């Protein structure tokens, strides 16, 4: 740690995108603090310090932010990466289960953001990088609850960026497409499955597995996060990977009816 090195705090850094991002930021000469629920599984290396964090707990969030500021003196970049997936038709996921998913993916992100904003505002600078998804601007059948959380992240991030920009703070979005991580294996399964959806849900599982295994390496997304953290003139959003960039363009230029048909075809749905 040196006084002139920027400091990055990365949530959900024990695996996948978060782990790659933490190491990429360290290689870019950031002092990096990575967090997860159980950091004993995450060996500190390559300039990354790990702390336990539960983004669903106000006390845990505030404690970690204080620890980072006390140790490093500053937080220049917050990467809100912690999140969970949800597999099931919207009707198959109870409201209580949906609330628990939102508590991590949306309210956890909000807790972290609110905890660092006073510090960043006091210094007159800072960047908050929220890991969204192509699911934040396109539909994904049998992932309606997860997609809803990412739509929320998109709207929250873009609106907040306008509120804090004149204070020297930017709120940016990184939007990955399919990434080759255990994300699909670790998704929360619907707590009230219904037979009417069983066949198509099985098809969806196959589609997602194929997409994930052929998806981008997490390092691809990590490089985009580093760009968002260091660009002199940052963009509002950063599609990450070839699929994300292509889908982002198609969403803007393809007629709605055609795009709708494409979604159904890719998910092997009829009608």
C-alpha atoms as a PDB file:
ATOM      1  CA  UNK A   1       0.000   0.000   0.000  1.00  0.00           C
ATOM      2  CA  UNK A   2       1.265   3.444  -0.946  1.00  0.00           C
ATOM      3  CA  UNK A   3      -0.325   6.827  -0.430  1.00  0.00           C
ATOM      4  CA  UNK A   4      -0.651   7.563  -4.137  1.00  0.00           C
ATOM      5  CA  UNK A   5      -2.310   4.307  -5.172  1.00  0.00           C
ATOM      6  CA  UNK A   6      -6.078   4.415  -5.757  1.00  0.00           C
ATOM      7  CA  UNK A   7      -8.197   2.085  -3.646  1.00  0.00           C
ATOM      8  CA  UNK A   8     -10.927  -0.192  -5.004  1.00  0.00           C
ATOM      9  CA  UNK A   9     -13.536  -2.116  -3.015  1.00  0.00           C
ATOM     10  CA  UNK A  10     -15.028  -5.094  -4.879  1.00  0.00           C
ATOM     11  CA  UNK A  11     -18.006  -7.045  -3.546  1.00  0.00           C
ATOM     12  CA  UNK A  12     -18.554 -10.699  -4.410  1.00  0.00           C
ATOM     13  CA  UNK A  13     -14.842 -11.150  -5.105  1.00  0.00           C
ATOM     14  CA  UNK A  14     -14.385 -14.797  -4.148  1.00  0.00           C
ATOM     15  CA  UNK A  15     -15.098 -16.220  -7.606  1.00  0.00           C
ATOM     16  CA  UNK A  16     -16.125 -15.488 -11.173  1.00  0.00           C
ATOM     17  CA  UNK A  17     -16.342 -11.895 -12.375  1.00  0.00           C
ATOM     18  CA  UNK A  18     -15.618 -10.451  -8.937  1.00  0.00           C
ATOM     19  CA  UNK A  19     -12.442 -12.471  -8.457  1.00  0.00           C
ATOM     20  CA  UNK A  20     -11.136 -11.609 -11.917  1.00  0.00           C
ATOM     21  CA  UNK A  21     -12.030  -7.950 -11.398  1.00  0.00           C
ATOM     22  CA  UNK A  22     -10.213  -7.744  -8.074  1.00  0.00           C
ATOM     23  CA  UNK A  23      -7.044  -9.185  -9.575  1.00  0.00           C
ATOM     24  CA  UNK A  24      -7.283  -7.032 -12.715  1.00  0.00           C
ATOM     25  CA  UNK A  25      -7.575  -3.887 -10.607  1.00  0.00           C
ATOM     26  CA  UNK A  26      -4.570  -4.984  -8.545  1.00  0.00           C
ATOM     27  CA  UNK A  27      -2.599  -5.446 -11.753  1.00  0.00           C
ATOM     28  CA  UNK A  28      -3.695  -1.932 -12.745  1.00  0.00           C
ATOM     29  CA  UNK A  29      -1.959  -0.677  -9.576  1.00  0.00           C
ATOM     30  CA  UNK A  30      -4.978  -0.299  -7.331  1.00  0.00           C
ATOM     31  CA  UNK A  31      -4.941  -1.324  -3.702  1.00  0.00           C
ATOM     32  CA  UNK A  32      -7.883  -3.739  -3.745  1.00  0.00           C
ATOM     33  CA  UNK A  33     -10.192  -4.988  -1.022  1.00  0.00           C
ATOM     34  CA  UNK A  34     -12.325  -7.936  -2.081  1.00  0.00           C
ATOM     35  CA  UNK A  35     -15.298  -9.142  -0.108  1.00  0.00           C
ATOM     36  CA  UNK A  36     -17.474 -12.220   0.192  1.00  0.00           C
ATOM     37  CA  UNK A  37     -19.611 -13.869   2.826  1.00  0.00           C
ATOM     38  CA  UNK A  38     -16.785 -16.244   3.809  1.00  0.00           C
ATOM     39  CA  UNK A  39     -13.391 -14.857   2.888  1.00  0.00           C
ATOM     40  CA  UNK A  40     -11.641 -17.866   4.451  1.00  0.00           C
ATOM     41  CA  UNK A  41     -12.222 -19.456   1.047  1.00  0.00           C
ATOM     42  CA  UNK A  42     -10.402 -16.584  -0.664  1.00  0.00           C
ATOM     43  CA  UNK A  43      -6.652 -16.444  -0.195  1.00  0.00           C
ATOM     44  CA  UNK A  44      -5.206 -12.933  -0.162  1.00  0.00           C
ATOM     45  CA  UNK A  45      -2.825 -12.598  -3.092  1.00  0.00           C
ATOM     46  CA  UNK A  46      -1.835 -10.314  -5.946  1.00  0.00           C
ATOM     47  CA  UNK A  47      -2.436  -7.212  -3.880  1.00  0.00           C
ATOM     48  CA  UNK A  48      -5.993  -8.157  -2.871  1.00  0.00           C
ATOM     49  CA  UNK A  49      -7.061  -7.978   0.771  1.00  0.00           C
ATOM     50  CA  UNK A  50     -10.210  -9.920   1.664  1.00  0.00           C
ATOM     51  CA  UNK A  51     -12.874  -9.009   4.213  1.00  0.00           C
ATOM     52  CA  UNK A  52     -16.102 -10.723   5.241  1.00  0.00           C
ATOM     53  CA  UNK A  53     -19.201  -8.898   4.036  1.00  0.00           C
ATOM     54  CA  UNK A  54     -22.931  -9.558   3.993  1.00  0.00           C
ATOM     55  CA  UNK A  55     -24.489  -6.989   1.658  1.00  0.00           C
ATOM     56  CA  UNK A  56     -27.918  -7.690   3.171  1.00  0.00           C
ATOM     57  CA  UNK A  57     -26.765  -6.319   6.559  1.00  0.00           C
ATOM     58  CA  UNK A  58     -26.487  -2.580   7.238  1.00  0.00           C
ATOM     59  CA  UNK A  59     -24.045  -3.262  10.089  1.00  0.00           C
ATOM     60  CA  UNK A  60     -21.810  -5.466   7.944  1.00  0.00           C
ATOM     61  CA  UNK A  61     -21.762  -2.970   5.077  1.00  0.00           C
ATOM     62  CA  UNK A  62     -20.974   0.016   7.288  1.00  0.00           C
ATOM     63  CA  UNK A  63     -18.296  -1.936   9.165  1.00  0.00           C
ATOM     64  CA  UNK A  64     -16.469  -2.953   5.994  1.00  0.00           C
ATOM     65  CA  UNK A  65     -16.531   0.554   4.541  1.00  0.00           C
ATOM     66  CA  UNK A  66     -15.121   1.927   7.814  1.00  0.00           C
ATOM     67  CA  UNK A  67     -12.409  -0.754   7.876  1.00  0.00           C
ATOM     68  CA  UNK A  68     -11.299   0.069   4.340  1.00  0.00           C
ATOM     69  CA  UNK A  69     -11.176   3.824   5.011  1.00  0.00           C
ATOM     70  CA  UNK A  70      -9.357   3.303   8.319  1.00  0.00           C
ATOM     71  CA  UNK A  71      -6.742   1.061   6.712  1.00  0.00           C
ATOM     72  CA  UNK A  72      -6.247   2.720   3.333  1.00  0.00           C
ATOM     73  CA  UNK A  73      -7.480   6.250   3.984  1.00  0.00           C
ATOM     74  CA  UNK A  74      -9.800   6.355   1.003  1.00  0.00           C
ATOM     75  CA  UNK A  75     -12.112   4.525  -1.383  1.00  0.00           C
ATOM     76  CA  UNK A  76     -11.751   5.659  -4.981  1.00  0.00           C
ATOM     77  CA  UNK A  77     -13.759   2.938  -6.715  1.00  0.00           C
ATOM     78  CA  UNK A  78     -16.600   0.740  -5.513  1.00  0.00           C
ATOM     79  CA  UNK A  79     -17.452  -2.242  -7.699  1.00  0.00           C
ATOM     80  CA  UNK A  80     -20.883  -3.625  -6.800  1.00  0.00           C
ATOM     81  CA  UNK A  81     -20.600  -7.160  -8.108  1.00  0.00           C
ATOM     82  CA  UNK A  82     -22.226  -9.299  -5.397  1.00  0.00           C
ATOM     83  CA  UNK A  83     -25.366 -10.955  -6.715  1.00  0.00           C
ATOM     84  CA  UNK A  84     -27.314 -14.159  -7.149  1.00  0.00           C
ATOM     85  CA  UNK A  85     -29.241 -15.679 -10.036  1.00  0.00           C
ATOM     86  CA  UNK A  86     -32.735 -17.123  -9.917  1.00  0.00           C
ATOM     87  CA  UNK A  87     -34.001 -20.000 -12.041  1.00  0.00           C
ATOM     88  CA  UNK A  88     -37.733 -20.379 -12.525  1.00  0.00           C
ATOM     89  CA  UNK A  89     -40.828 -18.925 -14.090  1.00  0.00           C
ATOM     90  CA  UNK A  90     -42.032 -15.770 -12.379  1.00  0.00           C
ATOM     91  CA  UNK A  91     -45.111 -17.615 -11.116  1.00  0.00           C
ATOM     92  CA  UNK A  92     -42.922 -20.275  -9.516  1.00  0.00           C
ATOM     93  CA  UNK A  93     -41.004 -17.849  -7.300  1.00  0.00           C
ATOM     94  CA  UNK A  94     -42.766 -16.706  -4.146  1.00  0.00           C
ATOM     95  CA  UNK A  95     -42.816 -13.050  -3.194  1.00  0.00           C
ATOM     96  CA  UNK A  96     -40.703 -13.888  -0.145  1.00  0.00           C
ATOM     97  CA  UNK A  97     -38.075 -15.564  -2.327  1.00  0.00           C
ATOM     98  CA  UNK A  98     -38.140 -12.661  -4.773  1.00  0.00           C
ATOM     99  CA  UNK A  99     -37.606 -10.258  -1.883  1.00  0.00           C
ATOM    100  CA  UNK A 100     -34.528 -12.195  -0.752  1.00  0.00           C
ATOM    101  CA  UNK A 101     -33.064 -11.999  -4.268  1.00  0.00           C
ATOM    102  CA  UNK A 102     -33.765  -8.274  -4.487  1.00  0.00           C
ATOM    103  CA  UNK A 103     -32.164  -7.840  -1.061  1.00  0.00           C
ATOM    104  CA  UNK A 104     -28.828  -9.014  -2.482  1.00  0.00           C
ATOM    105  CA  UNK A 105     -28.914  -7.791  -6.079  1.00  0.00           C
ATOM    106  CA  UNK A 106     -30.600  -4.421  -5.576  1.00  0.00           C
ATOM    107  CA  UNK A 107     -30.781  -3.392  -1.935  1.00  0.00           C
ATOM    108  CA  UNK A 108     -27.300  -4.774  -1.231  1.00  0.00           C
ATOM    109  CA  UNK A 109     -25.968  -2.588  -4.027  1.00  0.00           C
ATOM    110  CA  UNK A 110     -27.889   0.372  -2.604  1.00  0.00           C
ATOM    111  CA  UNK A 111     -26.508  -0.257   0.897  1.00  0.00           C
ATOM    112  CA  UNK A 112     -22.940  -0.266  -0.405  1.00  0.00           C
ATOM    113  CA  UNK A 113     -23.543   2.841  -2.488  1.00  0.00           C
ATOM    114  CA  UNK A 114     -25.089   4.816   0.374  1.00  0.00           C
ATOM    115  CA  UNK A 115     -22.223   3.787   2.652  1.00  0.00           C
ATOM    116  CA  UNK A 116     -19.480   5.129   0.348  1.00  0.00           C
ATOM    117  CA  UNK A 117     -21.202   8.239  -1.026  1.00  0.00           C
ATOM    118  CA  UNK A 118     -20.529  10.538   1.972  1.00  0.00           C
ATOM    119  CA  UNK A 119     -16.841   9.607   1.863  1.00  0.00           C
ATOM    120  CA  UNK A 120     -16.557  10.134  -1.904  1.00  0.00           C
ATOM    121  CA  UNK A 121     -18.490  13.385  -1.706  1.00  0.00           C
ATOM    122  CA  UNK A 122     -16.150  14.622   1.017  1.00  0.00           C
ATOM    123  CA  UNK A 123     -13.162  13.953  -1.246  1.00  0.00           C
ATOM    124  CA  UNK A 124     -14.896  15.398  -4.302  1.00  0.00           C
ATOM    125  CA  UNK A 125     -14.328  12.321  -6.433  1.00  0.00           C
ATOM    126  CA  UNK A 126     -15.083   8.637  -6.808  1.00  0.00           C
ATOM    127  CA  UNK A 127     -16.561   6.028  -9.101  1.00  0.00           C
ATOM    128  CA  UNK A 128     -19.235   3.471  -8.392  1.00  0.00           C
ATOM    129  CA  UNK A 129     -19.321   0.670 -10.945  1.00  0.00           C
ATOM    130  CA  UNK A 130     -22.400  -1.518 -10.855  1.00  0.00           C
ATOM    131  CA  UNK A 131     -22.233  -4.925 -12.506  1.00  0.00           C
ATOM    132  CA  UNK A 132     -25.488  -5.136 -14.416  1.00  0.00           C
ATOM    133  CA  UNK A 133     -26.218  -7.533 -17.283  1.00  0.00           C
ATOM    134  CA  UNK A 134     -27.646  -7.694 -20.778  1.00  0.00           C
ATOM    135  CA  UNK A 135     -30.642  -8.855 -18.755  1.00  0.00           C
ATOM    136  CA  UNK A 136     -30.911  -5.262 -17.618  1.00  0.00           C
ATOM    137  CA  UNK A 137     -32.196  -4.233 -21.029  1.00  0.00           C
ATOM    138  CA  UNK A 138     -33.468  -7.426 -22.680  1.00  0.00           C
ATOM    139  CA  UNK A 139     -35.963 -10.098 -21.514  1.00  0.00           C
ATOM    140  CA  UNK A 140     -34.891 -13.553 -20.444  1.00  0.00           C
ATOM    141  CA  UNK A 141     -37.649 -16.155 -19.948  1.00  0.00           C
ATOM    142  CA  UNK A 142     -37.450 -18.199 -16.738  1.00  0.00           C
ATOM    143  CA  UNK A 143     -35.206 -15.564 -15.185  1.00  0.00           C
ATOM    144  CA  UNK A 144     -37.846 -12.858 -14.720  1.00  0.00           C
ATOM    145  CA  UNK A 145     -36.960 -12.094 -11.105  1.00  0.00           C
ATOM    146  CA  UNK A 146     -33.229 -11.892 -11.794  1.00  0.00           C
ATOM    147  CA  UNK A 147     -33.874  -9.754 -14.877  1.00  0.00           C
ATOM    148  CA  UNK A 148     -36.129  -7.489 -12.805  1.00  0.00           C
ATOM    149  CA  UNK A 149     -33.254  -6.901 -10.373  1.00  0.00           C
ATOM    150  CA  UNK A 150     -30.946  -5.931 -13.226  1.00  0.00           C
ATOM    151  CA  UNK A 151     -33.550  -3.591 -14.714  1.00  0.00           C
ATOM    152  CA  UNK A 152     -33.696  -1.986 -11.266  1.00  0.00           C
ATOM    153  CA  UNK A 153     -29.903  -1.669 -11.185  1.00  0.00           C
ATOM    154  CA  UNK A 154     -29.959   0.006 -14.594  1.00  0.00           C
ATOM    155  CA  UNK A 155     -32.571   2.591 -13.603  1.00  0.00           C
ATOM    156  CA  UNK A 156     -31.031   3.263 -10.202  1.00  0.00           C
ATOM    157  CA  UNK A 157     -27.524   3.659 -11.606  1.00  0.00           C
ATOM    158  CA  UNK A 158     -28.386   5.996 -14.451  1.00  0.00           C
ATOM    159  CA  UNK A 159     -30.590   8.182 -12.259  1.00  0.00           C
ATOM    160  CA  UNK A 160     -28.072   8.335  -9.415  1.00  0.00           C
ATOM    161  CA  UNK A 161     -25.291   9.276 -11.813  1.00  0.00           C
ATOM    162  CA  UNK A 162     -27.163  12.477 -12.641  1.00  0.00           C
ATOM    163  CA  UNK A 163     -27.623  13.262  -8.947  1.00  0.00           C
ATOM    164  CA  UNK A 164     -23.963  12.964  -7.926  1.00  0.00           C
ATOM    165  CA  UNK A 165     -22.043  13.908 -11.066  1.00  0.00           C
ATOM    166  CA  UNK A 166     -21.616  17.549 -10.023  1.00  0.00           C
ATOM    167  CA  UNK A 167     -20.072  16.273  -6.761  1.00  0.00           C
ATOM    168  CA  UNK A 168     -17.246  14.626  -8.716  1.00  0.00           C
ATOM    169  CA  UNK A 169     -18.745  11.136  -8.484  1.00  0.00           C
ATOM    170  CA  UNK A 170     -19.723   8.915 -11.413  1.00  0.00           C
ATOM    171  CA  UNK A 171     -22.032   5.894 -11.328  1.00  0.00           C
ATOM    172  CA  UNK A 172     -21.348   3.543 -14.232  1.00  0.00           C
ATOM    173  CA  UNK A 173     -22.768   0.251 -15.448  1.00  0.00           C
ATOM    174  CA  UNK A 174     -20.911  -2.771 -16.815  1.00  0.00           C
ATOM    175  CA  UNK A 175     -23.232  -5.092 -18.739  1.00  0.00           C
ATOM    176  CA  UNK A 176     -21.854  -8.604 -19.318  1.00  0.00           C
ATOM    177  CA  UNK A 177     -23.457 -11.189 -21.558  1.00  0.00           C
ATOM    178  CA  UNK A 178     -23.018 -14.908 -20.835  1.00  0.00           C
ATOM    179  CA  UNK A 179     -19.820 -15.526 -18.870  1.00  0.00           C
ATOM    180  CA  UNK A 180     -18.177 -18.887 -18.300  1.00  0.00           C
ATOM    181  CA  UNK A 181     -18.592 -19.082 -14.527  1.00  0.00           C
ATOM    182  CA  UNK A 182     -20.557 -21.369 -12.148  1.00  0.00           C
ATOM    183  CA  UNK A 183     -23.336 -18.727 -12.096  1.00  0.00           C
ATOM    184  CA  UNK A 184     -25.911 -21.123 -13.560  1.00  0.00           C
ATOM    185  CA  UNK A 185     -25.013 -23.894 -11.109  1.00  0.00           C
ATOM    186  CA  UNK A 186     -25.355 -21.536  -8.153  1.00  0.00           C
ATOM    187  CA  UNK A 187     -28.691 -19.991  -9.125  1.00  0.00           C
ATOM    188  CA  UNK A 188     -31.493 -20.042  -6.572  1.00  0.00           C
ATOM    189  CA  UNK A 189     -34.148 -22.546  -7.639  1.00  0.00           C
ATOM    190  CA  UNK A 190     -37.810 -21.547  -7.589  1.00  0.00           C
ATOM    191  CA  UNK A 191     -39.425 -22.435  -4.282  1.00  0.00           C
ATOM    192  CA  UNK A 192     -42.892 -23.196  -5.706  1.00  0.00           C
ATOM    193  CA  UNK A 193     -42.299 -25.142  -8.961  1.00  0.00           C
ATOM    194  CA  UNK A 194     -45.365 -25.866 -11.107  1.00  0.00           C
ATOM    195  CA  UNK A 195     -45.802 -28.825 -13.481  1.00  0.00           C
ATOM    196  CA  UNK A 196     -47.109 -26.576 -16.252  1.00  0.00           C
ATOM    197  CA  UNK A 197     -43.630 -25.056 -16.636  1.00  0.00           C
ATOM    198  CA  UNK A 198     -41.548 -28.224 -16.121  1.00  0.00           C
ATOM    199  CA  UNK A 199     -40.878 -29.074 -19.783  1.00  0.00           C
ATOM    200  CA  UNK A 200     -39.931 -25.585 -20.884  1.00  0.00           C
ATOM    201  CA  UNK A 201     -37.888 -25.024 -17.721  1.00  0.00           C
ATOM    202  CA  UNK A 202     -35.830 -28.105 -18.597  1.00  0.00           C
ATOM    203  CA  UNK A 203     -35.224 -26.681 -22.064  1.00  0.00           C
ATOM    204  CA  UNK A 204     -34.194 -23.390 -20.495  1.00  0.00           C
ATOM    205  CA  UNK A 205     -31.665 -25.186 -18.280  1.00  0.00           C
ATOM    206  CA  UNK A 206     -30.037 -26.667 -21.395  1.00  0.00           C
ATOM    207  CA  UNK A 207     -29.974 -23.305 -23.163  1.00  0.00           C
ATOM    208  CA  UNK A 208     -28.386 -21.545 -20.199  1.00  0.00           C
ATOM    209  CA  UNK A 209     -25.755 -24.253 -19.704  1.00  0.00           C
ATOM    210  CA  UNK A 210     -24.775 -24.017 -23.374  1.00  0.00           C
ATOM    211  CA  UNK A 211     -24.606 -20.214 -23.213  1.00  0.00           C
ATOM    212  CA  UNK A 212     -22.545 -20.179 -20.042  1.00  0.00           C
ATOM    213  CA  UNK A 213     -20.034 -22.791 -21.163  1.00  0.00           C
ATOM    214  CA  UNK A 214     -19.493 -20.932 -24.447  1.00  0.00           C
ATOM    215  CA  UNK A 215     -19.552 -17.541 -22.742  1.00  0.00           C
ATOM    216  CA  UNK A 216     -16.774 -15.021 -22.284  1.00  0.00           C
ATOM    217  CA  UNK A 217     -13.980 -15.595 -19.824  1.00  0.00           C
ATOM    218  CA  UNK A 218     -14.449 -13.542 -16.632  1.00  0.00           C
ATOM    219  CA  UNK A 219     -11.192 -11.750 -17.445  1.00  0.00           C
ATOM    220  CA  UNK A 220     -12.955 -10.138 -20.426  1.00  0.00           C
ATOM    221  CA  UNK A 221     -15.435  -8.489 -18.083  1.00  0.00           C
ATOM    222  CA  UNK A 222     -12.698  -7.589 -15.607  1.00  0.00           C
ATOM    223  CA  UNK A 223     -10.826  -5.620 -18.273  1.00  0.00           C
ATOM    224  CA  UNK A 224     -13.989  -3.642 -18.996  1.00  0.00           C
ATOM    225  CA  UNK A 225     -14.390  -2.853 -15.288  1.00  0.00           C
ATOM    226  CA  UNK A 226     -10.804  -1.564 -15.182  1.00  0.00           C
ATOM    227  CA  UNK A 227     -11.593   0.620 -18.194  1.00  0.00           C
ATOM    228  CA  UNK A 228     -14.673   2.008 -16.427  1.00  0.00           C
ATOM    229  CA  UNK A 229     -12.561   2.681 -13.340  1.00  0.00           C
ATOM    230  CA  UNK A 230      -9.789   4.492 -15.202  1.00  0.00           C
ATOM    231  CA  UNK A 231     -11.266   6.129 -18.328  1.00  0.00           C
ATOM    232  CA  UNK A 232     -10.610   9.901 -18.203  1.00  0.00           C
ATOM    233  CA  UNK A 233     -14.015  10.450 -19.806  1.00  0.00           C
ATOM    234  CA  UNK A 234     -16.131   7.464 -18.717  1.00  0.00           C
ATOM    235  CA  UNK A 235     -19.077   6.204 -20.708  1.00  0.00           C
ATOM    236  CA  UNK A 236     -22.496   5.824 -19.119  1.00  0.00           C
ATOM    237  CA  UNK A 237     -22.523   2.076 -19.757  1.00  0.00           C
ATOM    238  CA  UNK A 238     -20.034  -0.577 -20.807  1.00  0.00           C
ATOM    239  CA  UNK A 239     -21.300  -3.714 -22.573  1.00  0.00           C
ATOM    240  CA  UNK A 240     -18.756  -6.424 -21.745  1.00  0.00           C
ATOM    241  CA  UNK A 241     -17.950  -9.134 -24.265  1.00  0.00           C
ATOM    242  CA  UNK A 242     -18.902  -9.803 -27.859  1.00  0.00           C
ATOM    243  CA  UNK A 243     -22.435 -11.023 -27.119  1.00  0.00           C
ATOM    244  CA  UNK A 244     -23.260  -8.049 -24.904  1.00  0.00           C
ATOM    245  CA  UNK A 245     -22.015  -5.543 -27.466  1.00  0.00           C
ATOM    246  CA  UNK A 246     -23.993  -7.206 -30.259  1.00  0.00           C
ATOM    247  CA  UNK A 247     -27.208  -7.492 -28.240  1.00  0.00           C
ATOM    248  CA  UNK A 248     -26.929  -3.871 -27.127  1.00  0.00           C
ATOM    249  CA  UNK A 249     -26.845  -2.725 -30.742  1.00  0.00           C
ATOM    250  CA  UNK A 250     -29.622  -5.078 -31.853  1.00  0.00           C
ATOM    251  CA  UNK A 251     -31.899  -3.947 -29.047  1.00  0.00           C
ATOM    252  CA  UNK A 252     -31.644  -0.390 -30.334  1.00  0.00           C
ATOM    253  CA  UNK A 253     -32.019  -0.979 -34.074  1.00  0.00           C
ATOM    254  CA  UNK A 254     -34.113  -4.149 -34.562  1.00  0.00           C
ATOM    255  CA  UNK A 255     -37.915  -3.726 -34.703  1.00  0.00           C
ATOM    256  CA  UNK A 256     -39.611  -4.827 -31.473  1.00  0.00           C
ATOM    257  CA  UNK A 257     -41.575  -7.646 -33.116  1.00  0.00           C
ATOM    258  CA  UNK A 258     -38.450  -9.063 -34.729  1.00  0.00           C
ATOM    259  CA  UNK A 259     -36.494  -8.839 -31.505  1.00  0.00           C
ATOM    260  CA  UNK A 260     -39.312 -10.595 -29.656  1.00  0.00           C
ATOM    261  CA  UNK A 261     -39.252 -13.478 -32.146  1.00  0.00           C
ATOM    262  CA  UNK A 262     -35.492 -13.739 -31.791  1.00  0.00           C
ATOM    263  CA  UNK A 263     -35.757 -14.062 -28.013  1.00  0.00           C
ATOM    264  CA  UNK A 264     -38.234 -16.909 -28.376  1.00  0.00           C
ATOM    265  CA  UNK A 265     -36.141 -18.650 -31.001  1.00  0.00           C
ATOM    266  CA  UNK A 266     -32.956 -18.461 -28.932  1.00  0.00           C
ATOM    267  CA  UNK A 267     -34.816 -19.916 -25.947  1.00  0.00           C
ATOM    268  CA  UNK A 268     -36.413 -22.651 -28.102  1.00  0.00           C
ATOM    269  CA  UNK A 269     -39.923 -21.435 -27.404  1.00  0.00           C
ATOM    270  CA  UNK A 270     -42.880 -21.814 -29.744  1.00  0.00           C
ATOM    271  CA  UNK A 271     -45.750 -19.456 -30.501  1.00  0.00           C
END
